[in-house]
Amino acid sequence: MRIVLLLLFVINLFSFSITDKKFKDIKFLDTKVLSFDEIGGQRFFGISALEYDRRKKLLYMLSDRARLFTFKIEVNNKKIILLKPVASCRLKNLYGKNFFLYQSDSEGMSKIGDSFYISFEGTHPRVLRFEKCKQVGSIRLPKILRSYRNYIGGKNRTLESLEYNKRFGLITAPEKRLKRTKKGWHSIYNSHGKVCEFKKSDKMSLVDFESNEKGNLVGLFRKLDISSLGFVVKLKKIYLKKGICKTKDLATLKTKDGDSIDNYEGITKVGKNLYLMISDDNDKFFEKSLLTLFEVF
């Protein structure tokens, strides 16, 4: 284990900024390394989802241990010029109690009005609605999404993505394809059932997606590359419609190519064609919370 940790540390030392890489349809603009011990009495680690409130200019970060952090953010000249923590809270269940550890694997997030909709992994995959950090309701999911036994990879590979889409409402997707889904294909769902299917390598995990101006999705995909003790991160455009969805590759980043990346998990839109994505440090010293700004053309 010590050898593995040392190798990961060395890889990080000899990685290069992704802002120097050139792609046809995407440009990486800025990356900040986040390092906070505590915010408002809550430990800052394991960020799995982002949500941006354009009117309030607030960025919300969700920890995979049911904690919500609020930041003041300013983006100017396509750079992150301000990121200031302002609040935090621990999510409470319907009874005003903390979620037990095995219930607290919060992964996806979408904000609609004053409500936060948050997806949870575990033995009972679910989407819950919160106001002022307290659960006030839930979303009824299609039957096939309600049991972890239907997911490849089990209880830790369930509802990773969550987004409000103007055409299909609140949409979600598993990290890996469902057992009933054909190999090489992946599905997106809303509360009424399957919205669409698209082609995807079974080796890649879908970890989040975000709607663009036209109602299509920018999808964030990731896999652990054992051979390089690093990651492969892929961004795709998903042309969302009922039935079969076409996709378009935007960028592929690899640790073994020297790209300065980490365990990216969350994505949100912060302006016209501008997005942020964040990596989950897994509460490990050799992983980082990277906040990356990029533009999709």
Foldseek 3Di string as FASTA:
>chain_A
DVVLLVLLLVLLVQFDEQQPDDFDFKHWQDKDFDDDQDAARHGDFAWAAWEADQVQQKIWTAHQQQKIWIWRWDADPLYTPDTGTDDMDHAAEQVRHGDDRQFRRWAEWEDDPQKIWIWHFHQFTFIFIDHPRYTDGGAAAPPLQGGQVQAVPGRVFGWQEWEQFPVQGIKTFTFAATPPDDAQKGFMADRVGTFEMEGDHRQKTFQYWYQAPVRWIWTWIKHQDPVSRAIKIWIKIWGTGGYYIYIGTGDIDDSVVSYNDHQWHYKYANDHQKMWIWHGQVPDPSGTTMIIIMGGD
